[in-house]
Amino acid sequence: MASVDECRQALQDLAARLDRHAEVQGRIDLDRTLACRITDLDTAFHGRIEGGRLVDLTDGDDPKAKIALSTTSDDLVALVHGQLDVMKAVGARRVSIKANPFDLMKLRKLL
């Protein structure tokens, strides 16, 4: 099981990768609140996705987040490091993403 610090670092790594990706591919029109819930650690993080970037990442849940991702600590770390395909993980119910269908299509471009 990954630690809370490892999950926080994984999300910071994801934010840095999305930042680099946004500069290369151009802006993705998506401005939504995001919550990432780590089920096995009973913890959460939240932030915002703005223009294809993950910003304002902090500890704690946001129950009103427009996009909510729930997974285990190990699966989060594996997703961020490219060891687990997000679509296969969702299909296998290792990852749950709650968002409207249009946001899901935009998220898919980011990941």
Protein backbone atom coordinates (compact mmCIF):
# COMPACT_ATOMS: atom_id res chain seq x y z
CA MET A 1 0.00 0.00 0.00
CA ALA A 2 1.35 3.41 -0.98
CA SER A 3 1.50 6.12 1.68
CA VAL A 4 -0.38 9.42 1.73
CA ASP A 5 2.89 11.20 0.86
CA GLU A 6 3.44 8.88 -2.14
CA CYS A 7 -0.11 9.62 -3.35
CA ARG A 8 0.43 13.36 -2.91
CA GLN A 9 3.69 13.12 -4.85
CA ALA A 10 2.00 11.10 -7.60
CA LEU A 11 -0.65 13.81 -8.00
CA GLN A 12 2.05 16.49 -8.08
CA ASP A 13 3.85 14.46 -10.76
CA LEU A 14 0.60 14.26 -12.71
CA ALA A 15 0.13 18.02 -12.39
CA ALA A 16 3.65 18.62 -13.74
CA ARG A 17 3.06 16.22 -16.65
CA LEU A 18 -0.28 17.84 -17.52
CA ASP A 19 1.41 21.25 -17.39
CA ARG A 20 4.06 20.16 -19.90
CA HIS A 21 1.42 18.41 -22.03
CA ALA A 22 -0.82 21.50 -22.11
CA GLU A 23 2.03 23.60 -23.51
CA VAL A 24 2.69 21.12 -26.31
CA GLN A 25 -0.86 20.25 -27.38
CA GLY A 26 -2.57 23.54 -26.64
CA ARG A 27 -5.40 24.35 -24.32
CA ILE A 28 -8.16 21.89 -23.57
CA ASP A 29 -11.35 23.70 -22.69
CA LEU A 30 -12.05 22.17 -19.29
CA ASP A 31 -12.49 24.12 -16.06
CA ARG A 32 -13.76 21.85 -13.29
CA THR A 33 -13.18 21.06 -9.65
CA LEU A 34 -11.60 17.67 -9.03
CA ALA A 35 -11.58 15.37 -6.01
CA CYS A 36 -9.30 12.34 -5.78
CA ARG A 37 -10.41 9.92 -3.08
CA ILE A 38 -7.96 7.27 -1.91
CA THR A 39 -10.16 4.48 -0.60
CA ASP A 40 -7.63 2.34 1.25
CA LEU A 41 -6.08 5.30 3.09
CA ASP A 42 -9.39 7.03 3.86
CA THR A 43 -7.97 10.29 2.57
CA ALA A 44 -8.55 12.65 -0.33
CA PHE A 45 -7.06 15.49 -2.32
CA HIS A 46 -8.75 18.17 -4.35
CA GLY A 47 -7.88 20.81 -6.88
CA ARG A 48 -8.99 22.25 -10.21
CA ILE A 49 -8.47 21.34 -13.81
CA GLU A 50 -8.04 24.54 -15.82
CA GLY A 51 -7.12 24.50 -19.48
CA GLY A 52 -5.69 21.00 -19.27
CA ARG A 53 -3.66 21.77 -16.15
CA LEU A 54 -4.13 20.47 -12.59
CA VAL A 55 -3.83 23.45 -10.23
CA ASP A 56 -4.45 24.33 -6.59
CA LEU A 57 -3.89 20.75 -5.43
CA THR A 58 -4.43 20.44 -1.68
CA ASP A 59 -5.24 17.83 0.96
CA GLY A 60 -8.86 17.09 1.81
CA ASP A 61 -12.03 16.19 -0.02
CA ASP A 62 -14.34 18.43 -2.01
CA PRO A 63 -17.80 16.84 -1.84
CA LYS A 64 -19.07 19.31 -4.46
CA ALA A 65 -16.34 18.51 -7.01
CA LYS A 66 -17.62 18.19 -10.56
CA ILE A 67 -15.15 15.37 -11.25
CA ALA A 68 -14.47 12.69 -8.63
CA LEU A 69 -11.90 9.94 -8.97
CA SER A 70 -11.86 7.09 -6.43
CA THR A 71 -9.18 4.42 -6.31
CA THR A 72 -6.67 2.71 -4.04
CA SER A 73 -3.30 4.22 -3.26
CA ASP A 74 -1.37 1.61 -5.28
CA ASP A 75 -3.64 2.03 -8.31
CA LEU A 76 -3.29 5.83 -8.19
CA VAL A 77 0.50 5.58 -8.19
CA ALA A 78 0.39 2.97 -11.01
CA LEU A 79 -1.96 5.16 -13.08
CA VAL A 80 0.22 8.23 -12.76
CA HIS A 81 3.39 6.33 -13.61
CA GLY A 82 1.86 4.68 -16.68
CA GLN A 83 1.82 1.17 -15.23
CA LEU A 84 -1.99 0.95 -15.30
CA ASP A 85 -4.17 1.99 -18.24
CA VAL A 86 -6.99 4.24 -17.06
CA MET A 87 -9.62 2.78 -19.39
CA LYS A 88 -8.78 -0.81 -18.38
CA ALA A 89 -8.76 0.23 -14.72
CA VAL A 90 -12.22 1.79 -15.04
CA GLY A 91 -13.48 -1.31 -16.87
CA ALA A 92 -12.11 -3.56 -14.13
CA ARG A 93 -13.63 -1.27 -11.47
CA ARG A 94 -10.25 -0.51 -9.96
CA VAL A 95 -10.90 3.17 -10.64
CA SER A 96 -14.18 5.02 -10.47
CA ILE A 97 -14.61 8.37 -12.22
CA LYS A 98 -17.78 10.38 -11.69
CA ALA A 99 -18.24 13.18 -14.19
CA ASN A 100 -20.64 14.17 -16.90
CA PRO A 101 -20.08 12.43 -20.27
CA PHE A 102 -18.68 15.54 -21.98
CA ASP A 103 -16.11 16.02 -19.21
CA LEU A 104 -15.12 12.35 -19.48
CA MET A 105 -14.34 12.80 -23.17
CA LYS A 106 -12.16 15.81 -22.41
CA LEU A 107 -10.44 13.99 -19.54
CA ARG A 108 -9.61 11.13 -21.84
CA LYS A 109 -7.64 13.55 -24.03
CA LEU A 110 -5.65 14.65 -20.99
CA LEU A 111 -4.73 11.16 -19.86
